[in-house]
């Protein structure tokens, strides 16, 4: 079979403000303490592909009981279902104990796609941390991308074993469902980072175009 790639696309919509931290090495007096990561060309917010990949992997690993044991470095204890989707840098990560496991999923950065529909893109969320001994408050400003912002999601899935295609896509869907009931970025336990995925499409873009592709929506 020829080398087949499946393009997976969706739209990620923010249900609450999103904070994925950017560079805060310089902060003028009165400025935001913790800005969000931005596209250096447009200065618009971006969701790094590594952030989406890492969150989906960690949630799926927890669901499949594949969290690495305490004190174990890296992802070599992840089960094969996770390693073949997300990869591993361990030289003994394959089932036969040889070689580095290359990720079947390739994540792109997610860029804002409805700027013109938003009255504003960013908001400031004021938070306080309280010293429990002195009761002294330490206020700070957290920058967030506003709810309603939408980002284009693009993921490439490399077909390496057709017999594992259904199981791989079932695990991808499971990771997506888990993320929709969790959060992305920082401040998730305080209300930030709730997301919703819409309009899933899976298309063979190279290789065996007759391949039956599972649905995610």
C-alpha atoms as a PDB file:
ATOM      1  CA  UNK A   1       0.000   0.000   0.000  1.00  0.00           C
ATOM      2  CA  UNK A   2       1.250   3.489  -0.858  1.00  0.00           C
ATOM      3  CA  UNK A   3       2.091   5.879   1.969  1.00  0.00           C
ATOM      4  CA  UNK A   4      -1.303   7.271   2.964  1.00  0.00           C
ATOM      5  CA  UNK A   5      -1.987  10.454   4.903  1.00  0.00           C
ATOM      6  CA  UNK A   6      -5.347  11.511   6.309  1.00  0.00           C
ATOM      7  CA  UNK A   7      -6.022  15.196   6.973  1.00  0.00           C
ATOM      8  CA  UNK A   8      -8.181  15.734  10.056  1.00  0.00           C
ATOM      9  CA  UNK A   9      -9.722  19.202  10.379  1.00  0.00           C
ATOM     10  CA  UNK A  10     -12.031  20.841  12.878  1.00  0.00           C
ATOM     11  CA  UNK A  11     -12.877  24.179  14.445  1.00  0.00           C
ATOM     12  CA  UNK A  12     -12.026  24.678  18.118  1.00  0.00           C
ATOM     13  CA  UNK A  13     -14.348  27.171  19.815  1.00  0.00           C
ATOM     14  CA  UNK A  14     -13.664  28.702  23.217  1.00  0.00           C
ATOM     15  CA  UNK A  15     -16.519  28.324  25.699  1.00  0.00           C
ATOM     16  CA  UNK A  16     -14.582  30.306  28.326  1.00  0.00           C
ATOM     17  CA  UNK A  17     -11.505  32.528  28.174  1.00  0.00           C
ATOM     18  CA  UNK A  18      -8.280  30.728  27.248  1.00  0.00           C
ATOM     19  CA  UNK A  19      -4.840  31.352  28.721  1.00  0.00           C
ATOM     20  CA  UNK A  20      -1.796  29.678  27.168  1.00  0.00           C
ATOM     21  CA  UNK A  21       1.203  31.582  28.476  1.00  0.00           C
ATOM     22  CA  UNK A  22       3.580  33.460  26.225  1.00  0.00           C
ATOM     23  CA  UNK A  23       6.774  35.441  26.841  1.00  0.00           C
ATOM     24  CA  UNK A  24       6.545  37.509  30.033  1.00  0.00           C
ATOM     25  CA  UNK A  25      10.284  38.262  30.305  1.00  0.00           C
ATOM     26  CA  UNK A  26       9.465  41.990  30.210  1.00  0.00           C
ATOM     27  CA  UNK A  27       6.447  43.565  31.850  1.00  0.00           C
ATOM     28  CA  UNK A  28       6.094  47.339  32.190  1.00  0.00           C
ATOM     29  CA  UNK A  29       4.439  48.819  35.271  1.00  0.00           C
ATOM     30  CA  UNK A  30       0.688  48.391  34.925  1.00  0.00           C
ATOM     31  CA  UNK A  31       1.003  45.875  32.092  1.00  0.00           C
ATOM     32  CA  UNK A  32      -0.385  42.349  31.962  1.00  0.00           C
ATOM     33  CA  UNK A  33       1.578  40.041  34.271  1.00  0.00           C
ATOM     34  CA  UNK A  34       0.992  36.889  32.231  1.00  0.00           C
ATOM     35  CA  UNK A  35       0.300  37.441  28.490  1.00  0.00           C
ATOM     36  CA  UNK A  36      -0.913  34.747  26.117  1.00  0.00           C
ATOM     37  CA  UNK A  37       1.223  33.242  23.368  1.00  0.00           C
ATOM     38  CA  UNK A  38       0.902  35.082  20.045  1.00  0.00           C
ATOM     39  CA  UNK A  39       1.696  34.549  16.389  1.00  0.00           C
ATOM     40  CA  UNK A  40       4.864  36.675  15.912  1.00  0.00           C
ATOM     41  CA  UNK A  41       3.671  37.821  12.468  1.00  0.00           C
ATOM     42  CA  UNK A  42       0.095  38.892  13.210  1.00  0.00           C
ATOM     43  CA  UNK A  43       0.263  39.319  17.026  1.00  0.00           C
ATOM     44  CA  UNK A  44      -2.979  37.353  17.173  1.00  0.00           C
ATOM     45  CA  UNK A  45      -3.392  34.473  19.644  1.00  0.00           C
ATOM     46  CA  UNK A  46      -2.334  30.990  18.622  1.00  0.00           C
ATOM     47  CA  UNK A  47      -2.794  27.553  20.162  1.00  0.00           C
ATOM     48  CA  UNK A  48       0.511  25.699  19.737  1.00  0.00           C
ATOM     49  CA  UNK A  49       0.175  22.224  18.262  1.00  0.00           C
ATOM     50  CA  UNK A  50       2.377  20.931  21.074  1.00  0.00           C
ATOM     51  CA  UNK A  51      -0.150  22.175  23.646  1.00  0.00           C
ATOM     52  CA  UNK A  52      -3.049  20.379  21.964  1.00  0.00           C
ATOM     53  CA  UNK A  53      -1.016  17.205  21.435  1.00  0.00           C
ATOM     54  CA  UNK A  54       0.290  17.108  24.998  1.00  0.00           C
ATOM     55  CA  UNK A  55      -3.136  17.628  26.567  1.00  0.00           C
ATOM     56  CA  UNK A  56      -4.814  14.983  24.422  1.00  0.00           C
ATOM     57  CA  UNK A  57      -2.024  12.521  25.198  1.00  0.00           C
ATOM     58  CA  UNK A  58      -2.104  13.066  28.960  1.00  0.00           C
ATOM     59  CA  UNK A  59      -5.894  12.703  29.134  1.00  0.00           C
ATOM     60  CA  UNK A  60      -5.879   9.553  27.017  1.00  0.00           C
ATOM     61  CA  UNK A  61      -3.028   8.078  29.063  1.00  0.00           C
ATOM     62  CA  UNK A  62      -4.985   8.651  32.255  1.00  0.00           C
ATOM     63  CA  UNK A  63      -8.106   7.112  30.719  1.00  0.00           C
ATOM     64  CA  UNK A  64      -6.224   4.013  29.523  1.00  0.00           C
ATOM     65  CA  UNK A  65      -4.350   3.628  32.801  1.00  0.00           C
ATOM     66  CA  UNK A  66      -1.047   4.409  31.114  1.00  0.00           C
ATOM     67  CA  UNK A  67       0.330   7.177  33.347  1.00  0.00           C
ATOM     68  CA  UNK A  68       4.111   6.548  33.792  1.00  0.00           C
ATOM     69  CA  UNK A  69       5.142   5.097  37.135  1.00  0.00           C
ATOM     70  CA  UNK A  70       6.527   7.474  39.759  1.00  0.00           C
ATOM     71  CA  UNK A  71      10.158   8.305  39.090  1.00  0.00           C
ATOM     72  CA  UNK A  72      10.089   7.065  35.474  1.00  0.00           C
ATOM     73  CA  UNK A  73      11.323   9.594  32.922  1.00  0.00           C
ATOM     74  CA  UNK A  74       9.577  10.186  29.601  1.00  0.00           C
ATOM     75  CA  UNK A  75       6.741   8.205  28.061  1.00  0.00           C
ATOM     76  CA  UNK A  76       8.249   4.755  27.756  1.00  0.00           C
ATOM     77  CA  UNK A  77       5.619   3.298  30.090  1.00  0.00           C
ATOM     78  CA  UNK A  78       2.748   4.487  27.903  1.00  0.00           C
ATOM     79  CA  UNK A  79       0.840   1.656  26.272  1.00  0.00           C
ATOM     80  CA  UNK A  80       1.403   0.969  22.578  1.00  0.00           C
ATOM     81  CA  UNK A  81      -1.966   2.472  21.603  1.00  0.00           C
ATOM     82  CA  UNK A  82      -0.728   5.836  22.892  1.00  0.00           C
ATOM     83  CA  UNK A  83       2.874   5.544  21.739  1.00  0.00           C
ATOM     84  CA  UNK A  84       1.937   4.829  18.139  1.00  0.00           C
ATOM     85  CA  UNK A  85      -0.384   7.869  18.051  1.00  0.00           C
ATOM     86  CA  UNK A  86       1.788  10.363  19.929  1.00  0.00           C
ATOM     87  CA  UNK A  87       5.286   8.859  19.709  1.00  0.00           C
ATOM     88  CA  UNK A  88       8.049   8.292  22.234  1.00  0.00           C
ATOM     89  CA  UNK A  89      11.671   9.406  22.438  1.00  0.00           C
ATOM     90  CA  UNK A  90      12.702   6.259  24.285  1.00  0.00           C
ATOM     91  CA  UNK A  91      15.069   3.986  22.366  1.00  0.00           C
ATOM     92  CA  UNK A  92      13.270   0.985  23.854  1.00  0.00           C
ATOM     93  CA  UNK A  93       9.703   2.189  23.327  1.00  0.00           C
ATOM     94  CA  UNK A  94       8.601  -0.253  20.612  1.00  0.00           C
ATOM     95  CA  UNK A  95       6.848  -3.485  21.455  1.00  0.00           C
ATOM     96  CA  UNK A  96       9.917  -5.464  20.414  1.00  0.00           C
ATOM     97  CA  UNK A  97      12.175  -3.217  22.517  1.00  0.00           C
ATOM     98  CA  UNK A  98      13.946  -1.566  19.589  1.00  0.00           C
ATOM     99  CA  UNK A  99      13.925   1.898  18.088  1.00  0.00           C
ATOM    100  CA  UNK A 100      12.192   5.230  18.699  1.00  0.00           C
ATOM    101  CA  UNK A 101       8.408   5.280  18.200  1.00  0.00           C
ATOM    102  CA  UNK A 102       7.478   7.948  15.629  1.00  0.00           C
ATOM    103  CA  UNK A 103       4.149   9.686  16.159  1.00  0.00           C
ATOM    104  CA  UNK A 104       1.424   8.839  13.663  1.00  0.00           C
ATOM    105  CA  UNK A 105      -0.239  12.166  14.458  1.00  0.00           C
ATOM    106  CA  UNK A 106       1.270  15.454  13.247  1.00  0.00           C
ATOM    107  CA  UNK A 107      -0.271  18.548  14.879  1.00  0.00           C
ATOM    108  CA  UNK A 108      -0.226  22.017  13.337  1.00  0.00           C
ATOM    109  CA  UNK A 109      -0.439  25.243  15.325  1.00  0.00           C
ATOM    110  CA  UNK A 110      -4.042  26.483  15.520  1.00  0.00           C
ATOM    111  CA  UNK A 111      -4.668  30.022  14.254  1.00  0.00           C
ATOM    112  CA  UNK A 112      -7.578  32.365  14.956  1.00  0.00           C
ATOM    113  CA  UNK A 113     -10.179  32.180  12.172  1.00  0.00           C
ATOM    114  CA  UNK A 114     -13.036  34.527  13.228  1.00  0.00           C
ATOM    115  CA  UNK A 115     -11.265  37.747  14.176  1.00  0.00           C
ATOM    116  CA  UNK A 116     -13.815  39.901  12.323  1.00  0.00           C
ATOM    117  CA  UNK A 117     -16.695  38.444  14.357  1.00  0.00           C
ATOM    118  CA  UNK A 118     -15.223  39.391  17.728  1.00  0.00           C
ATOM    119  CA  UNK A 119     -15.661  42.820  19.374  1.00  0.00           C
ATOM    120  CA  UNK A 120     -12.292  42.193  21.027  1.00  0.00           C
ATOM    121  CA  UNK A 121      -9.774  39.337  21.081  1.00  0.00           C
ATOM    122  CA  UNK A 122      -8.187  39.662  24.528  1.00  0.00           C
ATOM    123  CA  UNK A 123      -9.430  40.267  28.051  1.00  0.00           C
ATOM    124  CA  UNK A 124      -7.763  40.775  31.419  1.00  0.00           C
ATOM    125  CA  UNK A 125      -8.726  38.506  34.292  1.00  0.00           C
ATOM    126  CA  UNK A 126      -7.764  39.814  37.712  1.00  0.00           C
ATOM    127  CA  UNK A 127      -6.744  37.231  40.303  1.00  0.00           C
ATOM    128  CA  UNK A 128      -5.402  37.331  43.852  1.00  0.00           C
ATOM    129  CA  UNK A 129      -3.182  34.935  45.716  1.00  0.00           C
ATOM    130  CA  UNK A 130      -3.489  35.229  49.496  1.00  0.00           C
ATOM    131  CA  UNK A 131      -0.696  34.454  51.931  1.00  0.00           C
ATOM    132  CA  UNK A 132      -2.404  32.230  54.505  1.00  0.00           C
ATOM    133  CA  UNK A 133      -0.125  33.360  57.324  1.00  0.00           C
ATOM    134  CA  UNK A 134      -0.132  37.121  56.736  1.00  0.00           C
ATOM    135  CA  UNK A 135      -3.370  37.476  54.697  1.00  0.00           C
ATOM    136  CA  UNK A 136      -1.416  39.708  52.302  1.00  0.00           C
ATOM    137  CA  UNK A 137      -2.936  39.743  48.804  1.00  0.00           C
ATOM    138  CA  UNK A 138      -0.789  39.498  45.693  1.00  0.00           C
ATOM    139  CA  UNK A 139      -2.943  40.711  42.778  1.00  0.00           C
ATOM    140  CA  UNK A 140      -2.068  39.883  39.193  1.00  0.00           C
ATOM    141  CA  UNK A 141      -3.543  40.278  35.717  1.00  0.00           C
ATOM    142  CA  UNK A 142      -3.953  37.195  33.546  1.00  0.00           C
ATOM    143  CA  UNK A 143      -4.496  37.756  29.844  1.00  0.00           C
ATOM    144  CA  UNK A 144      -7.026  35.484  28.151  1.00  0.00           C
ATOM    145  CA  UNK A 145      -8.446  35.031  24.668  1.00  0.00           C
ATOM    146  CA  UNK A 146     -12.175  35.789  24.859  1.00  0.00           C
ATOM    147  CA  UNK A 147     -14.883  33.149  24.719  1.00  0.00           C
ATOM    148  CA  UNK A 148     -16.367  32.721  21.257  1.00  0.00           C
ATOM    149  CA  UNK A 149     -12.973  32.853  19.549  1.00  0.00           C
ATOM    150  CA  UNK A 150     -12.510  30.008  17.075  1.00  0.00           C
ATOM    151  CA  UNK A 151      -9.304  28.348  15.891  1.00  0.00           C
ATOM    152  CA  UNK A 152      -8.673  26.125  12.877  1.00  0.00           C
ATOM    153  CA  UNK A 153      -7.423  22.661  13.847  1.00  0.00           C
ATOM    154  CA  UNK A 154      -5.368  20.595  11.387  1.00  0.00           C
ATOM    155  CA  UNK A 155      -3.903  17.185  12.206  1.00  0.00           C
ATOM    156  CA  UNK A 156      -2.250  14.716   9.837  1.00  0.00           C
ATOM    157  CA  UNK A 157      -2.648  11.001  10.569  1.00  0.00           C
ATOM    158  CA  UNK A 158      -0.087   8.733   8.900  1.00  0.00           C
ATOM    159  CA  UNK A 159      -1.557   5.352   8.018  1.00  0.00           C
ATOM    160  CA  UNK A 160       1.045   2.750   8.961  1.00  0.00           C
ATOM    161  CA  UNK A 161      -1.199  -0.231   9.656  1.00  0.00           C
ATOM    162  CA  UNK A 162      -4.707  -0.373   8.156  1.00  0.00           C
ATOM    163  CA  UNK A 163      -5.712  -3.017  10.688  1.00  0.00           C
ATOM    164  CA  UNK A 164      -5.140  -0.486  13.483  1.00  0.00           C
ATOM    165  CA  UNK A 165      -6.980   2.382  11.785  1.00  0.00           C
ATOM    166  CA  UNK A 166     -10.329   1.884  13.540  1.00  0.00           C
ATOM    167  CA  UNK A 167      -8.718   1.530  16.972  1.00  0.00           C
ATOM    168  CA  UNK A 168      -6.497   4.571  16.438  1.00  0.00           C
ATOM    169  CA  UNK A 169      -9.436   6.770  15.438  1.00  0.00           C
ATOM    170  CA  UNK A 170     -11.505   5.474  18.353  1.00  0.00           C
ATOM    171  CA  UNK A 171      -8.697   6.592  20.682  1.00  0.00           C
ATOM    172  CA  UNK A 172      -8.417   9.968  18.930  1.00  0.00           C
ATOM    173  CA  UNK A 173     -12.153  10.488  19.408  1.00  0.00           C
ATOM    174  CA  UNK A 174     -11.855   9.451  23.045  1.00  0.00           C
ATOM    175  CA  UNK A 175      -9.069  12.012  23.603  1.00  0.00           C
ATOM    176  CA  UNK A 176     -11.221  14.712  21.992  1.00  0.00           C
ATOM    177  CA  UNK A 177     -14.231  13.841  24.146  1.00  0.00           C
ATOM    178  CA  UNK A 178     -12.059  13.905  27.267  1.00  0.00           C
ATOM    179  CA  UNK A 179     -10.646  17.320  26.350  1.00  0.00           C
ATOM    180  CA  UNK A 180     -14.125  18.775  25.828  1.00  0.00           C
ATOM    181  CA  UNK A 181     -14.890  17.792  29.422  1.00  0.00           C
ATOM    182  CA  UNK A 182     -11.577  19.051  30.768  1.00  0.00           C
ATOM    183  CA  UNK A 183      -9.664  22.218  29.856  1.00  0.00           C
ATOM    184  CA  UNK A 184      -6.858  23.549  27.691  1.00  0.00           C
ATOM    185  CA  UNK A 185      -4.090  25.859  28.894  1.00  0.00           C
ATOM    186  CA  UNK A 186      -3.760  27.340  32.374  1.00  0.00           C
ATOM    187  CA  UNK A 187      -6.315  28.208  35.025  1.00  0.00           C
ATOM    188  CA  UNK A 188      -8.615  25.331  34.138  1.00  0.00           C
ATOM    189  CA  UNK A 189      -9.697  24.690  37.720  1.00  0.00           C
ATOM    190  CA  UNK A 190     -10.655  28.372  37.954  1.00  0.00           C
ATOM    191  CA  UNK A 191     -12.870  28.404  34.874  1.00  0.00           C
ATOM    192  CA  UNK A 192     -10.484  29.003  31.967  1.00  0.00           C
ATOM    193  CA  UNK A 193      -9.873  26.845  28.927  1.00  0.00           C
ATOM    194  CA  UNK A 194     -13.219  25.134  28.253  1.00  0.00           C
ATOM    195  CA  UNK A 195     -13.359  24.241  24.569  1.00  0.00           C
ATOM    196  CA  UNK A 196     -15.700  22.676  22.011  1.00  0.00           C
ATOM    197  CA  UNK A 197     -14.773  21.030  18.711  1.00  0.00           C
ATOM    198  CA  UNK A 198     -17.032  21.435  15.686  1.00  0.00           C
ATOM    199  CA  UNK A 199     -17.258  20.311  12.056  1.00  0.00           C
ATOM    200  CA  UNK A 200     -14.869  17.353  12.003  1.00  0.00           C
ATOM    201  CA  UNK A 201     -13.719  16.272   8.557  1.00  0.00           C
ATOM    202  CA  UNK A 202     -11.325  13.436   7.671  1.00  0.00           C
ATOM    203  CA  UNK A 203      -9.942  13.345   4.138  1.00  0.00           C
ATOM    204  CA  UNK A 204      -7.315  11.157   2.474  1.00  0.00           C
ATOM    205  CA  UNK A 205      -4.891  13.675   0.969  1.00  0.00           C
ATOM    206  CA  UNK A 206      -2.247  11.310  -0.417  1.00  0.00           C
ATOM    207  CA  UNK A 207      -1.949   7.596  -1.047  1.00  0.00           C
ATOM    208  CA  UNK A 208      -4.896   5.172  -1.052  1.00  0.00           C
ATOM    209  CA  UNK A 209      -7.887   7.426  -1.764  1.00  0.00           C
ATOM    210  CA  UNK A 210     -10.257   4.435  -1.613  1.00  0.00           C
ATOM    211  CA  UNK A 211      -9.491   3.911   2.072  1.00  0.00           C
ATOM    212  CA  UNK A 212     -12.569   3.979   4.317  1.00  0.00           C
ATOM    213  CA  UNK A 213     -11.845   6.665   6.887  1.00  0.00           C
ATOM    214  CA  UNK A 214     -13.589   6.487  10.289  1.00  0.00           C
ATOM    215  CA  UNK A 215     -15.648   9.470  11.421  1.00  0.00           C
ATOM    216  CA  UNK A 216     -14.845  11.629  14.433  1.00  0.00           C
ATOM    217  CA  UNK A 217     -17.929  13.835  14.542  1.00  0.00           C
END
